[in-house]
């Protein structure tokens, strides 16, 4: 669902005019904020369109990515509580997503061999294959969206977005422009935003 329900953003002159009625309005902050929402909506829309072409919702894709070791290229079982924590959603949302993934044979629920009270969610071979099919196009779609920006601009964008989000320092983020095709990054940086679909 879009965050910004406007087809066209107001011109800066219109924002300046609105200051007369609303003295607390900071015109440049408003312009930056509206553009941030529009860019976020467009990024989400493109990702959602791509995933829908693969019969996958952003939420289901996120759960599957959390069950996948991006460095080792193999499945990693997780508890529903861990998935909810990592995705920043409720356990109920994760339960709904896991239900549909399990129905489609992409994940299974199994009792933890060390603690039978705990349930672990496993990516199935079918789920692993589905990710292997989706990921190359997902990465290409991300790269295409960022293509207008130089490496320096991308680094600056990441730094500024983290500053706006209140994330202390993104110094640990390294941009690899010459990564081999299909190379994976850290867990949280390649999944889509999660929604309950």
N, C-alpha and C. Protein backbone atom coordinates (compact mmCIF):
# COMPACT_ATOMS: atom_id res chain seq x y z
N UNK A 1 0.84 -1.19 0.00
CA UNK A 1 0.00 0.00 0.00
C UNK A 1 0.88 1.24 0.00
N UNK A 2 0.60 2.19 -0.86
CA UNK A 2 1.43 3.38 -0.94
C UNK A 2 1.38 4.21 0.34
N UNK A 3 2.50 4.84 0.65
CA UNK A 3 2.56 5.74 1.79
C UNK A 3 2.12 7.14 1.38
N UNK A 4 2.31 7.47 0.13
CA UNK A 4 1.97 8.79 -0.39
C UNK A 4 0.83 8.64 -1.39
N UNK A 5 -0.30 9.18 -1.07
CA UNK A 5 -1.48 9.01 -1.93
C UNK A 5 -1.63 10.20 -2.89
N UNK A 6 -0.56 10.59 -3.54
CA UNK A 6 -0.58 11.68 -4.51
C UNK A 6 0.07 11.22 -5.80
N UNK A 7 -0.58 11.53 -6.93
CA UNK A 7 0.03 11.21 -8.21
C UNK A 7 1.18 12.17 -8.50
N UNK A 8 0.92 13.45 -8.26
CA UNK A 8 1.94 14.49 -8.51
C UNK A 8 2.21 15.24 -7.22
N UNK A 9 3.45 15.54 -6.97
CA UNK A 9 3.82 16.31 -5.78
C UNK A 9 3.53 17.79 -6.02
N UNK A 10 3.21 18.51 -4.95
CA UNK A 10 2.99 19.96 -5.12
C UNK A 10 4.28 20.66 -5.52
N UNK A 11 4.15 21.70 -6.34
CA UNK A 11 5.32 22.49 -6.70
C UNK A 11 5.85 23.21 -5.46
N UNK A 12 7.14 23.48 -5.45
CA UNK A 12 7.75 24.13 -4.29
C UNK A 12 7.10 25.48 -4.00
N UNK A 13 6.71 26.19 -5.07
CA UNK A 13 6.05 27.50 -4.89
C UNK A 13 4.75 27.34 -4.11
N UNK A 14 4.02 26.25 -4.36
CA UNK A 14 2.77 25.99 -3.63
C UNK A 14 3.05 25.71 -2.16
N UNK A 15 4.13 25.01 -1.90
CA UNK A 15 4.50 24.74 -0.51
C UNK A 15 4.84 26.06 0.18
N UNK A 16 5.57 26.94 -0.52
CA UNK A 16 5.91 28.25 0.06
C UNK A 16 4.65 29.06 0.37
N UNK A 17 3.67 28.99 -0.51
CA UNK A 17 2.41 29.70 -0.29
C UNK A 17 1.69 29.15 0.95
N UNK A 18 1.79 27.83 1.17
CA UNK A 18 1.11 27.21 2.31
C UNK A 18 1.68 27.66 3.64
N UNK A 19 2.92 28.17 3.63
CA UNK A 19 3.55 28.63 4.87
C UNK A 19 2.77 29.79 5.47
N UNK A 20 2.14 30.60 4.62
CA UNK A 20 1.37 31.73 5.14
C UNK A 20 0.23 31.26 6.03
N UNK A 21 -0.41 30.14 5.64
CA UNK A 21 -1.50 29.60 6.45
C UNK A 21 -1.00 28.70 7.59
N UNK A 22 0.16 28.10 7.37
CA UNK A 22 0.70 27.13 8.34
C UNK A 22 2.15 27.51 8.65
N UNK A 23 2.36 28.45 9.58
CA UNK A 23 3.71 28.94 9.85
C UNK A 23 4.69 27.87 10.34
N UNK A 24 4.19 26.76 10.87
CA UNK A 24 5.09 25.69 11.34
C UNK A 24 5.62 24.84 10.19
N UNK A 25 5.11 25.04 9.01
CA UNK A 25 5.53 24.26 7.85
C UNK A 25 6.92 24.69 7.40
N UNK A 26 7.84 23.75 7.36
CA UNK A 26 9.19 23.99 6.86
C UNK A 26 9.19 23.54 5.40
N UNK A 27 9.23 24.48 4.44
CA UNK A 27 9.07 24.13 3.03
C UNK A 27 10.08 23.10 2.51
N UNK A 28 11.36 23.27 2.84
CA UNK A 28 12.34 22.32 2.33
C UNK A 28 12.19 20.95 2.99
N UNK A 29 11.82 20.92 4.26
CA UNK A 29 11.58 19.64 4.95
C UNK A 29 10.38 18.94 4.33
N UNK A 30 9.34 19.69 4.03
CA UNK A 30 8.14 19.12 3.40
C UNK A 30 8.47 18.55 2.03
N UNK A 31 9.21 19.31 1.24
CA UNK A 31 9.58 18.84 -0.10
C UNK A 31 10.42 17.56 -0.02
N UNK A 32 11.41 17.55 0.88
CA UNK A 32 12.27 16.37 1.03
C UNK A 32 11.45 15.17 1.50
N UNK A 33 10.55 15.39 2.46
CA UNK A 33 9.73 14.31 3.01
C UNK A 33 8.82 13.71 1.94
N UNK A 34 8.16 14.55 1.17
CA UNK A 34 7.26 14.05 0.12
C UNK A 34 8.03 13.27 -0.95
N UNK A 35 9.21 13.75 -1.30
CA UNK A 35 10.03 13.03 -2.28
C UNK A 35 10.54 11.71 -1.72
N UNK A 36 10.85 11.67 -0.43
CA UNK A 36 11.26 10.43 0.21
C UNK A 36 10.13 9.39 0.15
N UNK A 37 8.91 9.83 0.47
CA UNK A 37 7.76 8.92 0.41
C UNK A 37 7.53 8.42 -1.02
N UNK A 38 7.63 9.33 -1.98
CA UNK A 38 7.40 8.93 -3.37
C UNK A 38 8.46 7.92 -3.83
N UNK A 39 9.72 8.16 -3.49
CA UNK A 39 10.78 7.22 -3.87
C UNK A 39 10.58 5.87 -3.20
N UNK A 40 10.20 5.87 -1.93
CA UNK A 40 9.93 4.62 -1.23
C UNK A 40 8.78 3.86 -1.84
N UNK A 41 7.71 4.58 -2.19
CA UNK A 41 6.56 3.95 -2.84
C UNK A 41 6.95 3.32 -4.17
N UNK A 42 7.77 4.03 -4.94
CA UNK A 42 8.17 3.51 -6.25
C UNK A 42 9.06 2.28 -6.11
N UNK A 43 9.97 2.31 -5.16
CA UNK A 43 10.83 1.14 -4.91
C UNK A 43 9.98 -0.06 -4.50
N UNK A 44 9.04 0.18 -3.61
CA UNK A 44 8.17 -0.91 -3.15
C UNK A 44 7.31 -1.44 -4.30
N UNK A 45 6.76 -0.51 -5.10
CA UNK A 45 5.90 -0.91 -6.21
C UNK A 45 6.65 -1.81 -7.19
N UNK A 46 7.87 -1.41 -7.54
CA UNK A 46 8.65 -2.20 -8.49
C UNK A 46 8.97 -3.59 -7.93
N UNK A 47 9.32 -3.63 -6.65
CA UNK A 47 9.63 -4.91 -6.01
C UNK A 47 8.39 -5.79 -5.96
N UNK A 48 7.26 -5.20 -5.63
CA UNK A 48 6.01 -5.96 -5.53
C UNK A 48 5.60 -6.50 -6.90
N UNK A 49 5.74 -5.70 -7.94
CA UNK A 49 5.40 -6.16 -9.29
C UNK A 49 6.27 -7.34 -9.67
N UNK A 50 7.58 -7.23 -9.42
CA UNK A 50 8.49 -8.32 -9.75
C UNK A 50 8.12 -9.59 -8.97
N UNK A 51 7.90 -9.46 -7.67
CA UNK A 51 7.58 -10.64 -6.86
C UNK A 51 6.25 -11.26 -7.27
N UNK A 52 5.27 -10.43 -7.59
CA UNK A 52 3.97 -10.95 -8.03
C UNK A 52 4.10 -11.78 -9.31
N UNK A 53 5.05 -11.42 -10.16
CA UNK A 53 5.29 -12.20 -11.37
C UNK A 53 5.76 -13.62 -11.04
N UNK A 54 6.26 -13.80 -9.82
CA UNK A 54 6.74 -15.10 -9.35
C UNK A 54 5.80 -15.69 -8.30
N UNK A 55 4.54 -15.21 -8.29
CA UNK A 55 3.54 -15.69 -7.33
C UNK A 55 4.03 -15.57 -5.88
N UNK A 56 4.65 -14.46 -5.58
CA UNK A 56 5.24 -14.23 -4.27
C UNK A 56 4.85 -12.84 -3.79
N UNK A 57 4.45 -12.73 -2.53
CA UNK A 57 4.20 -11.41 -1.95
C UNK A 57 5.48 -10.93 -1.27
N UNK A 58 5.61 -9.63 -1.03
CA UNK A 58 6.79 -9.14 -0.31
C UNK A 58 6.94 -9.79 1.07
N UNK A 59 5.83 -10.02 1.77
CA UNK A 59 5.89 -10.63 3.09
C UNK A 59 6.39 -12.06 3.04
N UNK A 60 5.87 -12.84 2.12
CA UNK A 60 6.31 -14.23 1.97
C UNK A 60 7.79 -14.28 1.57
N UNK A 61 8.19 -13.40 0.67
CA UNK A 61 9.59 -13.34 0.24
C UNK A 61 10.51 -13.01 1.42
N UNK A 62 10.09 -12.08 2.25
CA UNK A 62 10.90 -11.71 3.41
C UNK A 62 11.10 -12.89 4.35
N UNK A 63 10.02 -13.61 4.62
CA UNK A 63 10.14 -14.79 5.50
C UNK A 63 11.10 -15.80 4.89
N UNK A 64 10.96 -16.06 3.60
CA UNK A 64 11.85 -17.02 2.95
C UNK A 64 13.30 -16.56 3.00
N UNK A 65 13.54 -15.26 2.81
CA UNK A 65 14.91 -14.74 2.87
C UNK A 65 15.49 -14.87 4.28
N UNK A 66 14.64 -14.73 5.30
CA UNK A 66 15.12 -14.89 6.67
C UNK A 66 15.46 -16.34 6.99
N UNK A 67 14.91 -17.26 6.22
CA UNK A 67 15.19 -18.69 6.40
C UNK A 67 16.36 -19.15 5.53
N UNK A 68 17.02 -18.21 4.89
CA UNK A 68 18.07 -18.53 3.92
C UNK A 68 19.38 -17.88 4.34
N UNK A 69 20.45 -18.66 4.46
CA UNK A 69 21.77 -18.14 4.78
C UNK A 69 22.37 -17.56 3.50
N UNK A 70 22.41 -16.23 3.43
CA UNK A 70 22.86 -15.56 2.20
C UNK A 70 24.35 -15.75 1.94
N UNK A 71 25.13 -16.01 2.97
CA UNK A 71 26.56 -16.21 2.78
C UNK A 71 26.84 -17.66 2.39
N UNK A 72 26.24 -18.60 3.10
CA UNK A 72 26.47 -20.02 2.82
C UNK A 72 25.60 -20.60 1.73
N UNK A 73 24.52 -19.88 1.38
CA UNK A 73 23.63 -20.34 0.32
C UNK A 73 22.81 -21.56 0.70
N UNK A 74 22.48 -21.67 2.00
CA UNK A 74 21.70 -22.83 2.42
C UNK A 74 20.62 -22.39 3.41
N UNK A 75 19.58 -23.21 3.59
CA UNK A 75 18.51 -22.87 4.52
C UNK A 75 18.99 -22.84 5.98
N UNK A 76 18.35 -21.96 6.77
CA UNK A 76 18.63 -21.85 8.19
C UNK A 76 17.30 -21.81 8.93
N UNK A 77 16.94 -22.86 9.67
CA UNK A 77 15.67 -22.88 10.40
C UNK A 77 15.60 -21.76 11.44
N UNK A 78 14.39 -21.26 11.66
CA UNK A 78 14.17 -20.19 12.64
C UNK A 78 12.86 -20.47 13.37
N UNK A 79 12.74 -19.93 14.57
CA UNK A 79 11.47 -20.02 15.29
C UNK A 79 10.55 -18.91 14.77
N UNK A 80 9.24 -19.09 14.91
CA UNK A 80 8.32 -18.01 14.53
C UNK A 80 8.63 -16.70 15.26
N UNK A 81 9.02 -16.80 16.54
CA UNK A 81 9.35 -15.60 17.31
C UNK A 81 10.57 -14.89 16.71
N UNK A 82 11.58 -15.66 16.32
CA UNK A 82 12.76 -15.06 15.69
C UNK A 82 12.41 -14.38 14.37
N UNK A 83 11.57 -15.05 13.58
CA UNK A 83 11.16 -14.46 12.29
C UNK A 83 10.41 -13.15 12.52
N UNK A 84 9.49 -13.14 13.49
CA UNK A 84 8.72 -11.93 13.78
C UNK A 84 9.65 -10.80 14.23
N UNK A 85 10.60 -11.12 15.10
CA UNK A 85 11.55 -10.12 15.60
C UNK A 85 12.38 -9.54 14.46
N UNK A 86 12.92 -10.41 13.63
CA UNK A 86 13.79 -9.96 12.53
C UNK A 86 13.03 -9.19 11.46
N UNK A 87 11.76 -9.54 11.26
CA UNK A 87 10.96 -8.85 10.25
C UNK A 87 10.29 -7.59 10.80
N UNK A 88 10.27 -7.46 12.13
CA UNK A 88 9.63 -6.30 12.74
C UNK A 88 8.12 -6.33 12.64
N UNK A 89 7.55 -7.53 12.71
CA UNK A 89 6.10 -7.69 12.66
C UNK A 89 5.65 -8.57 13.82
N UNK A 90 4.35 -8.76 13.95
CA UNK A 90 3.81 -9.58 15.03
C UNK A 90 3.94 -11.06 14.72
N UNK A 91 3.85 -11.86 15.76
CA UNK A 91 3.86 -13.32 15.58
C UNK A 91 2.67 -13.74 14.73
N UNK A 92 1.53 -13.07 14.92
CA UNK A 92 0.33 -13.41 14.15
C UNK A 92 0.57 -13.20 12.66
N UNK A 93 1.25 -12.13 12.30
CA UNK A 93 1.57 -11.88 10.89
C UNK A 93 2.46 -12.99 10.34
N UNK A 94 3.48 -13.36 11.11
CA UNK A 94 4.38 -14.43 10.68
C UNK A 94 3.61 -15.74 10.54
N UNK A 95 2.72 -16.02 11.49
CA UNK A 95 1.92 -17.26 11.42
C UNK A 95 1.13 -17.31 10.13
N UNK A 96 0.49 -16.20 9.76
CA UNK A 96 -0.27 -16.16 8.51
C UNK A 96 0.60 -16.38 7.29
N UNK A 97 1.77 -15.76 7.27
CA UNK A 97 2.68 -15.91 6.14
C UNK A 97 3.21 -17.34 6.06
N UNK A 98 3.57 -17.91 7.21
CA UNK A 98 4.09 -19.28 7.23
C UNK A 98 2.99 -20.26 6.81
N UNK A 99 1.76 -19.99 7.22
CA UNK A 99 0.64 -20.86 6.81
C UNK A 99 0.56 -20.97 5.29
N UNK A 100 0.64 -19.83 4.60
CA UNK A 100 0.52 -19.86 3.14
C UNK A 100 1.76 -20.47 2.49
N UNK A 101 2.93 -20.20 3.06
CA UNK A 101 4.17 -20.79 2.53
C UNK A 101 4.15 -22.31 2.72
N UNK A 102 3.65 -22.76 3.87
CA UNK A 102 3.57 -24.20 4.12
C UNK A 102 2.55 -24.86 3.19
N UNK A 103 1.43 -24.18 2.98
CA UNK A 103 0.41 -24.70 2.06
C UNK A 103 0.98 -24.91 0.66
N UNK A 104 1.88 -24.00 0.26
CA UNK A 104 2.49 -24.09 -1.08
C UNK A 104 3.74 -24.96 -1.11
N UNK A 105 4.06 -25.59 0.02
CA UNK A 105 5.20 -26.51 0.06
C UNK A 105 6.56 -25.82 0.08
N UNK A 106 6.59 -24.53 0.44
CA UNK A 106 7.85 -23.78 0.44
C UNK A 106 8.56 -23.82 1.79
N UNK A 107 7.81 -24.05 2.86
CA UNK A 107 8.38 -24.20 4.19
C UNK A 107 7.66 -25.33 4.92
N UNK A 108 8.28 -25.82 6.00
CA UNK A 108 7.63 -26.79 6.89
C UNK A 108 7.83 -26.34 8.32
N UNK A 109 6.93 -26.79 9.17
CA UNK A 109 7.07 -26.59 10.62
C UNK A 109 7.51 -27.92 11.21
N UNK A 110 8.53 -27.87 12.04
CA UNK A 110 9.00 -29.09 12.71
C UNK A 110 9.37 -28.75 14.15
N UNK A 111 9.14 -29.73 15.05
CA UNK A 111 9.55 -29.53 16.44
C UNK A 111 11.07 -29.53 16.52
N UNK A 112 11.59 -28.65 17.37
CA UNK A 112 13.03 -28.57 17.61
C UNK A 112 13.47 -29.85 18.31
N UNK A 113 14.48 -30.52 17.76
CA UNK A 113 14.94 -31.78 18.35
C UNK A 113 15.51 -31.56 19.76
N UNK A 114 16.00 -30.38 20.06
CA UNK A 114 16.55 -30.09 21.38
C UNK A 114 15.50 -29.68 22.39
N UNK A 115 14.37 -29.19 21.92
CA UNK A 115 13.29 -28.74 22.82
C UNK A 115 11.97 -28.93 22.08
N UNK A 116 11.28 -30.00 22.39
CA UNK A 116 10.04 -30.36 21.68
C UNK A 116 8.95 -29.30 21.81
N UNK A 117 9.08 -28.40 22.78
CA UNK A 117 8.09 -27.34 22.93
C UNK A 117 8.27 -26.25 21.87
N UNK A 118 9.47 -26.20 21.29
CA UNK A 118 9.78 -25.17 20.30
C UNK A 118 9.49 -25.68 18.89
N UNK A 119 8.96 -24.80 18.07
CA UNK A 119 8.69 -25.11 16.67
C UNK A 119 9.69 -24.35 15.81
N UNK A 120 10.26 -25.03 14.84
CA UNK A 120 11.19 -24.39 13.90
C UNK A 120 10.56 -24.38 12.51
N UNK A 121 10.77 -23.30 11.81
CA UNK A 121 10.31 -23.17 10.43
C UNK A 121 11.51 -23.47 9.54
N UNK A 122 11.33 -24.40 8.61
CA UNK A 122 12.40 -24.81 7.70
C UNK A 122 12.02 -24.46 6.26
N UNK A 123 12.96 -23.98 5.50
CA UNK A 123 12.81 -23.80 4.06
C UNK A 123 12.91 -25.19 3.42
N UNK A 124 11.94 -25.55 2.61
CA UNK A 124 11.97 -26.86 1.95
C UNK A 124 12.86 -26.80 0.70
N UNK A 125 13.21 -27.95 0.13
CA UNK A 125 13.95 -27.92 -1.15
C UNK A 125 13.19 -27.13 -2.22
N UNK A 126 11.87 -27.25 -2.23
CA UNK A 126 11.06 -26.48 -3.20
C UNK A 126 11.20 -24.98 -2.92
N UNK A 127 11.20 -24.60 -1.63
CA UNK A 127 11.37 -23.20 -1.26
C UNK A 127 12.74 -22.68 -1.62
N UNK A 128 13.75 -23.50 -1.40
CA UNK A 128 15.12 -23.13 -1.75
C UNK A 128 15.24 -22.93 -3.26
N UNK A 129 14.64 -23.84 -4.02
CA UNK A 129 14.66 -23.71 -5.48
C UNK A 129 13.93 -22.46 -5.94
N UNK A 130 12.80 -22.15 -5.28
CA UNK A 130 12.05 -20.94 -5.63
C UNK A 130 12.91 -19.69 -5.42
N UNK A 131 13.64 -19.65 -4.30
CA UNK A 131 14.52 -18.51 -4.06
C UNK A 131 15.61 -18.42 -5.11
N UNK A 132 16.19 -19.56 -5.47
CA UNK A 132 17.25 -19.58 -6.48
C UNK A 132 16.74 -19.06 -7.82
N UNK A 133 15.47 -19.28 -8.08
CA UNK A 133 14.87 -18.79 -9.33
C UNK A 133 14.59 -17.29 -9.25
N UNK A 134 14.16 -16.81 -8.08
CA UNK A 134 13.74 -15.42 -7.91
C UNK A 134 14.93 -14.47 -7.73
N UNK A 135 15.93 -14.89 -6.97
CA UNK A 135 16.99 -13.96 -6.56
C UNK A 135 17.74 -13.26 -7.69
N UNK A 136 18.14 -13.95 -8.77
CA UNK A 136 18.86 -13.21 -9.82
C UNK A 136 18.06 -12.02 -10.37
N UNK A 137 16.78 -12.23 -10.64
CA UNK A 137 15.94 -11.15 -11.14
C UNK A 137 15.72 -10.07 -10.09
N UNK A 138 15.59 -10.49 -8.83
CA UNK A 138 15.41 -9.54 -7.73
C UNK A 138 16.62 -8.61 -7.62
N UNK A 139 17.82 -9.21 -7.70
CA UNK A 139 19.04 -8.41 -7.63
C UNK A 139 19.16 -7.49 -8.84
N UNK A 140 18.81 -7.99 -10.03
CA UNK A 140 18.86 -7.15 -11.24
C UNK A 140 17.88 -5.99 -11.14
N UNK A 141 16.70 -6.26 -10.59
CA UNK A 141 15.70 -5.21 -10.44
C UNK A 141 16.20 -4.13 -9.48
N UNK A 142 16.83 -4.54 -8.38
CA UNK A 142 17.40 -3.56 -7.44
C UNK A 142 18.49 -2.73 -8.12
N UNK A 143 19.38 -3.41 -8.82
CA UNK A 143 20.48 -2.72 -9.49
C UNK A 143 19.96 -1.74 -10.54
N UNK A 144 18.93 -2.14 -11.28
CA UNK A 144 18.36 -1.25 -12.30
C UNK A 144 17.76 0.00 -11.66
N UNK A 145 17.15 -0.17 -10.51
CA UNK A 145 16.55 0.99 -9.85
C UNK A 145 17.62 1.95 -9.33
N UNK A 146 18.76 1.43 -8.95
CA UNK A 146 19.84 2.27 -8.44
C UNK A 146 20.81 2.71 -9.53
N UNK A 147 20.62 2.22 -10.76
CA UNK A 147 21.54 2.51 -11.87
C UNK A 147 21.76 4.01 -12.13
N UNK A 148 20.75 4.87 -11.97
CA UNK A 148 21.01 6.29 -12.24
C UNK A 148 22.01 6.93 -11.28
N UNK A 149 22.30 6.27 -10.15
CA UNK A 149 23.21 6.84 -9.16
C UNK A 149 24.62 6.29 -9.29
N UNK A 150 25.61 7.15 -9.14
CA UNK A 150 27.00 6.71 -9.11
C UNK A 150 27.26 6.01 -7.77
N UNK A 151 28.41 5.34 -7.66
CA UNK A 151 28.76 4.69 -6.39
C UNK A 151 28.81 5.72 -5.26
N UNK A 152 29.38 6.88 -5.53
CA UNK A 152 29.46 7.93 -4.51
C UNK A 152 28.06 8.39 -4.11
N UNK A 153 27.17 8.58 -5.09
CA UNK A 153 25.80 9.00 -4.78
C UNK A 153 25.06 7.94 -3.97
N UNK A 154 25.29 6.67 -4.28
CA UNK A 154 24.65 5.59 -3.52
C UNK A 154 25.11 5.59 -2.08
N UNK A 155 26.41 5.77 -1.87
CA UNK A 155 26.95 5.82 -0.51
C UNK A 155 26.37 7.00 0.25
N UNK A 156 26.28 8.14 -0.43
CA UNK A 156 25.70 9.33 0.19
C UNK A 156 24.24 9.10 0.51
N UNK A 157 23.50 8.49 -0.41
CA UNK A 157 22.09 8.21 -0.18
C UNK A 157 21.90 7.32 1.05
N UNK A 158 22.68 6.25 1.14
CA UNK A 158 22.59 5.35 2.30
C UNK A 158 22.86 6.12 3.59
N UNK A 159 23.90 6.94 3.57
CA UNK A 159 24.25 7.72 4.77
C UNK A 159 23.12 8.67 5.16
N UNK A 160 22.55 9.36 4.18
CA UNK A 160 21.47 10.31 4.45
C UNK A 160 20.19 9.61 4.91
N UNK A 161 19.86 8.49 4.28
CA UNK A 161 18.66 7.76 4.69
C UNK A 161 18.79 7.23 6.11
N UNK A 162 19.98 6.75 6.47
CA UNK A 162 20.21 6.30 7.84
C UNK A 162 20.12 7.46 8.82
N UNK A 163 20.59 8.62 8.40
CA UNK A 163 20.52 9.81 9.25
C UNK A 163 19.06 10.20 9.49
N UNK A 164 18.25 10.20 8.43
CA UNK A 164 16.83 10.52 8.55
C UNK A 164 16.11 9.49 9.43
N UNK A 165 16.50 8.22 9.29
CA UNK A 165 15.85 7.14 10.06
C UNK A 165 16.34 7.10 11.50
N UNK A 166 17.36 7.89 11.83
CA UNK A 166 17.87 7.90 13.19
C UNK A 166 18.77 6.73 13.51
N UNK A 167 19.32 6.11 12.48
CA UNK A 167 20.25 5.01 12.68
C UNK A 167 21.62 5.64 12.90
N UNK A 168 22.27 5.34 14.05
CA UNK A 168 23.49 6.06 14.44
C UNK A 168 24.56 6.17 13.37
N UNK A 169 25.03 5.05 12.87
CA UNK A 169 26.12 5.12 11.91
C UNK A 169 26.01 3.96 10.94
N UNK A 170 26.18 4.26 9.68
CA UNK A 170 26.15 3.22 8.66
C UNK A 170 27.56 2.97 8.15
N UNK A 171 28.55 3.27 8.97
CA UNK A 171 29.94 3.10 8.55
C UNK A 171 30.27 1.65 8.24
N UNK A 172 29.49 0.71 8.82
CA UNK A 172 29.75 -0.71 8.60
C UNK A 172 29.27 -1.18 7.23
N UNK A 173 28.50 -0.36 6.54
CA UNK A 173 27.98 -0.76 5.23
C UNK A 173 29.04 -0.50 4.18
N UNK A 174 29.36 -1.53 3.43
CA UNK A 174 30.35 -1.41 2.37
C UNK A 174 29.67 -1.68 1.04
N UNK A 175 29.86 -0.78 0.10
CA UNK A 175 29.28 -0.96 -1.23
C UNK A 175 30.29 -1.71 -2.08
N UNK A 176 29.86 -2.83 -2.65
CA UNK A 176 30.72 -3.64 -3.52
C UNK A 176 30.25 -3.51 -4.95
N UNK A 177 30.90 -2.67 -5.71
CA UNK A 177 30.44 -2.46 -7.08
C UNK A 177 30.85 -3.60 -8.00
N UNK A 178 31.87 -4.34 -7.63
CA UNK A 178 32.36 -5.39 -8.52
C UNK A 178 32.09 -6.77 -7.94
N UNK A 179 30.97 -6.90 -7.20
CA UNK A 179 30.63 -8.20 -6.62
C UNK A 179 30.30 -9.18 -7.73
N UNK A 180 30.71 -10.44 -7.58
CA UNK A 180 30.40 -11.43 -8.61
C UNK A 180 28.89 -11.61 -8.76
N UNK A 181 28.48 -11.98 -9.95
CA UNK A 181 27.05 -12.18 -10.21
C UNK A 181 26.50 -13.21 -9.24
N UNK A 182 25.36 -12.86 -8.63
CA UNK A 182 24.73 -13.77 -7.69
C UNK A 182 25.32 -13.69 -6.29
N UNK A 183 26.31 -12.79 -6.07
CA UNK A 183 26.89 -12.68 -4.74
C UNK A 183 25.85 -12.15 -3.77
N UNK A 184 25.89 -12.63 -2.55
CA UNK A 184 24.89 -12.25 -1.56
C UNK A 184 25.51 -11.32 -0.54
N UNK A 185 24.65 -10.55 0.11
CA UNK A 185 25.08 -9.63 1.15
C UNK A 185 24.48 -10.08 2.47
N UNK A 186 24.57 -9.22 3.46
CA UNK A 186 24.07 -9.55 4.79
C UNK A 186 22.57 -9.77 4.80
N UNK A 187 22.10 -10.39 5.87
CA UNK A 187 20.72 -10.88 5.94
C UNK A 187 19.67 -9.82 5.64
N UNK A 188 19.76 -8.64 6.22
CA UNK A 188 18.67 -7.71 6.11
C UNK A 188 18.68 -6.85 4.87
N UNK A 189 19.69 -6.89 4.04
CA UNK A 189 19.78 -5.90 2.97
C UNK A 189 19.27 -6.36 1.63
N UNK A 190 18.71 -7.54 1.54
CA UNK A 190 18.23 -7.97 0.23
C UNK A 190 16.79 -8.45 0.26
N UNK A 191 16.16 -8.36 1.37
CA UNK A 191 14.77 -8.77 1.44
C UNK A 191 13.87 -7.59 1.13
N UNK A 192 12.65 -7.90 0.75
CA UNK A 192 11.66 -6.87 0.49
C UNK A 192 11.00 -6.47 1.79
N UNK A 193 10.35 -5.28 1.83
CA UNK A 193 9.59 -4.93 3.01
C UNK A 193 8.51 -5.96 3.25
N UNK A 194 8.17 -6.19 4.49
CA UNK A 194 7.20 -7.25 4.80
C UNK A 194 5.80 -6.68 4.95
N UNK A 195 4.85 -7.38 4.39
CA UNK A 195 3.45 -7.07 4.59
C UNK A 195 2.74 -8.40 4.77
N UNK A 196 1.57 -8.37 5.35
CA UNK A 196 0.87 -9.63 5.60
C UNK A 196 -0.03 -9.99 4.44
N UNK A 197 0.53 -10.64 3.45
CA UNK A 197 -0.25 -11.13 2.29
C UNK A 197 -0.08 -12.60 2.19
